[in-house]
């Protein structure tokens, strides 16, 4: 994985929990992944924050987008996936949201347990170097 992990979440309590789960998983996995999660509390801040590493040729390895932070639309996830196809885009969905069938996007429910997060992280950060190489949609 190149670059860091960006988490777009307007709920500070959930953002802190998910960030902690990610960092603890990275530590336990023994990998050399960057031990930082860049937390953005809005879609606007995320767009600004993602621009610099992308322009410098160091795109993030993963962008996690809580759909609630983007007004309930998948637009930002699609934009990130289209603009940075080598980056994993994970959407966090409400229980009532429909799962996306767009290639390269992975989704978790807001109610996902820690083990579900860890399974997703393991797949995305250890088993498949990029969404294009993943077999998660097979």
Protein backbone atom coordinates (compact mmCIF):
# COMPACT_ATOMS: atom_id res chain seq x y z
CA UNK A 1 0.00 0.00 0.00
CA UNK A 2 1.19 3.46 -0.86
CA UNK A 3 0.21 6.54 1.11
CA UNK A 4 -1.86 6.86 4.22
CA UNK A 5 -5.39 6.12 5.29
CA UNK A 6 -8.01 8.86 5.13
CA UNK A 7 -11.21 8.55 7.16
CA UNK A 8 -14.07 10.90 6.33
CA UNK A 9 -16.53 10.87 9.21
CA UNK A 10 -18.54 13.72 10.73
CA UNK A 11 -19.32 11.75 13.92
CA UNK A 12 -16.28 12.34 16.14
CA UNK A 13 -17.06 9.40 18.46
CA UNK A 14 -17.36 6.88 15.60
CA UNK A 15 -14.35 8.40 13.83
CA UNK A 16 -12.23 7.98 16.96
CA UNK A 17 -13.39 4.37 17.45
CA UNK A 18 -12.78 3.39 13.83
CA UNK A 19 -9.37 5.12 13.82
CA UNK A 20 -8.38 3.25 16.98
CA UNK A 21 -9.49 -0.08 15.44
CA UNK A 22 -7.45 0.63 12.30
CA UNK A 23 -4.31 1.64 14.20
CA UNK A 24 -4.53 -1.30 16.60
CA UNK A 25 -5.00 -3.69 13.67
CA UNK A 26 -1.96 -2.21 11.86
CA UNK A 27 0.11 -2.64 15.03
CA UNK A 28 -1.01 -6.27 15.55
CA UNK A 29 -0.57 -7.16 11.89
CA UNK A 30 3.15 -6.45 12.10
CA UNK A 31 3.08 -4.64 8.79
CA UNK A 32 5.11 -1.61 7.85
CA UNK A 33 2.01 0.42 7.00
CA UNK A 34 1.96 4.07 7.95
CA UNK A 35 0.63 4.33 11.49
CA UNK A 36 -1.58 7.36 10.92
CA UNK A 37 -5.21 7.86 10.07
CA UNK A 38 -6.05 11.28 8.65
CA UNK A 39 -9.50 12.14 9.98
CA UNK A 40 -11.61 14.57 7.95
CA UNK A 41 -14.93 15.68 9.42
CA UNK A 42 -16.51 16.78 6.12
CA UNK A 43 -16.47 16.02 2.41
CA UNK A 44 -15.06 19.49 1.72
CA UNK A 45 -12.11 18.98 4.08
CA UNK A 46 -11.53 15.56 2.54
CA UNK A 47 -11.36 17.00 -0.99
CA UNK A 48 -8.84 19.61 0.15
CA UNK A 49 -6.81 17.09 2.17
CA UNK A 50 -6.67 14.51 -0.63
CA UNK A 51 -5.56 17.04 -3.25
CA UNK A 52 -2.01 17.51 -1.92
CA UNK A 53 -0.89 13.86 -1.76
CA UNK A 54 -2.53 13.10 -5.10
CA UNK A 55 -0.86 16.11 -6.76
CA UNK A 56 2.50 15.04 -5.28
CA UNK A 57 2.11 11.52 -6.69
CA UNK A 58 1.61 9.89 -3.30
CA UNK A 59 -2.08 8.91 -3.30
CA UNK A 60 -3.60 7.40 -0.20
CA UNK A 61 -3.73 3.64 0.05
CA UNK A 62 -7.23 3.73 1.48
CA UNK A 63 -10.05 6.23 1.78
CA UNK A 64 -12.88 5.34 4.15
CA UNK A 65 -16.01 7.41 3.65
CA UNK A 66 -18.91 7.46 6.07
CA UNK A 67 -21.81 8.15 3.73
CA UNK A 68 -23.51 10.19 6.49
CA UNK A 69 -20.62 12.71 6.27
CA UNK A 70 -21.36 13.29 2.59
CA UNK A 71 -25.07 13.96 2.94
CA UNK A 72 -26.05 10.36 2.28
CA UNK A 73 -24.88 10.19 -1.32
CA UNK A 74 -22.22 7.95 -2.86
CA UNK A 75 -20.86 10.83 -5.00
CA UNK A 76 -17.60 11.31 -3.09
CA UNK A 77 -16.82 7.59 -3.05
CA UNK A 78 -17.37 7.37 -6.80
CA UNK A 79 -15.27 10.48 -7.41
CA UNK A 80 -12.35 9.18 -5.33
CA UNK A 81 -12.58 5.75 -6.96
CA UNK A 82 -12.67 7.26 -10.46
CA UNK A 83 -9.83 9.73 -9.81
CA UNK A 84 -7.54 7.40 -7.84
CA UNK A 85 -8.30 3.87 -9.10
CA UNK A 86 -5.32 2.36 -7.25
CA UNK A 87 -6.77 3.48 -3.90
CA UNK A 88 -9.11 1.34 -1.85
CA UNK A 89 -12.39 3.17 -1.27
CA UNK A 90 -14.46 1.86 1.61
CA UNK A 91 -17.96 3.21 2.13
CA UNK A 92 -19.58 3.11 5.54
CA UNK A 93 -23.31 2.68 5.03
CA UNK A 94 -26.33 3.03 7.27
CA UNK A 95 -28.25 -0.18 7.78
CA UNK A 96 -30.96 1.13 5.44
CA UNK A 97 -28.56 2.00 2.55
CA UNK A 98 -28.31 -0.27 -0.48
CA UNK A 99 -24.92 -1.86 -1.12
CA UNK A 100 -23.05 -0.42 -4.08
CA UNK A 101 -22.13 -2.74 -6.91
CA UNK A 102 -19.45 -0.41 -8.31
CA UNK A 103 -16.19 -2.20 -8.97
CA UNK A 104 -13.36 -1.16 -6.66
CA UNK A 105 -15.66 -0.06 -3.84
CA UNK A 106 -16.05 -2.04 -0.65
CA UNK A 107 -18.75 -1.32 1.91
CA UNK A 108 -19.25 -1.84 5.62
CA UNK A 109 -22.32 -1.05 7.67
CA UNK A 110 -22.07 1.58 10.42
CA UNK A 111 -23.02 -1.23 12.78
CA UNK A 112 -20.12 -3.46 11.63
CA UNK A 113 -18.28 -5.22 14.43
CA UNK A 114 -14.56 -4.89 15.01
CA UNK A 115 -13.88 -8.32 13.48
CA UNK A 116 -15.67 -7.26 10.28
CA UNK A 117 -13.45 -4.17 10.10
CA UNK A 118 -10.36 -6.30 10.66
CA UNK A 119 -11.39 -8.73 7.93
CA UNK A 120 -11.85 -5.85 5.50
CA UNK A 121 -8.50 -4.32 6.48
CA UNK A 122 -6.74 -7.66 6.08
CA UNK A 123 -8.19 -8.18 2.62
CA UNK A 124 -7.51 -4.66 1.39
CA UNK A 125 -4.09 -4.09 2.95
CA UNK A 126 -2.56 -7.56 2.86
CA UNK A 127 -4.26 -9.80 0.32
CA UNK A 128 -4.76 -7.37 -2.59
CA UNK A 129 -2.27 -4.64 -3.46
CA UNK A 130 -5.00 -2.55 -5.15
CA UNK A 131 -8.71 -2.78 -5.90
CA UNK A 132 -7.96 -3.76 -9.50
CA UNK A 133 -6.31 -6.97 -8.25
CA UNK A 134 -8.95 -7.88 -5.70
CA UNK A 135 -11.14 -10.93 -5.96
CA UNK A 136 -13.63 -9.53 -3.44
CA UNK A 137 -16.27 -9.06 -6.14
CA UNK A 138 -15.84 -12.55 -7.63
